Amino acid sequence: QVQLVESGGGLVQAGGSLRLSCAASGRSSSSSSTYAMAWFRQAPGKEREFVAVISRGGGMRFYSDSVKGRFTISKESLKNTVNLQMNSLKPEDTAVYYCAADSLGSGSAYDSQNNYDSWGQGTQVTVFS
C-alpha cells in the first residue's frame, strides 16, 4: 500500500471550478506512474461512487456518466500526483472526494472500490447554487 493525501477541496458556486490533487508517498516505488489511480466520491446518505480513473501510464482514462465532459483526471508522475480538474460544477457534485490507488494490481473492475488497496482521507467539495 501507499499513502495518499488529497487537497484542493472547498466551497464553490455552481458553474465554477475546482482542482483536486492527490499526492502519493510511502513505498520506494510510490511513483504514481506505476499503478492505476482513481477518484471516488461519497455524498451524505449515499454510497461511495466511482468518478474517474487513469491507467498506470496515463494513456487511458474513464469517467462516470455523471461527470463525463466536465471533469478531467491527469497525472504528474514527476510529482507523484494525480489531479482531478472539475469544471461546470453542480450542487449534486457536493461530496467528500477520495483518491485511491491500485498498487497491488487487483484486476477487479476499475469502477469498483474493491480494485483499490490504498485510500486517502478525503477532501470535501461543496457546490452551492
Foldseek 3Di string as FASTA:
>chain_A
DWAKAKDWADEEAAQAKTKMKIATDDDPPLQQLQWKKFKWWDDPPGDIWGAKIAGSNRPDIDGDPVQPPFWDWGDDRVRSMIMIIGGRDDQVVWTWMKMFTQNPQPVDDPGDPVNGDYIYPTDTHGYHD
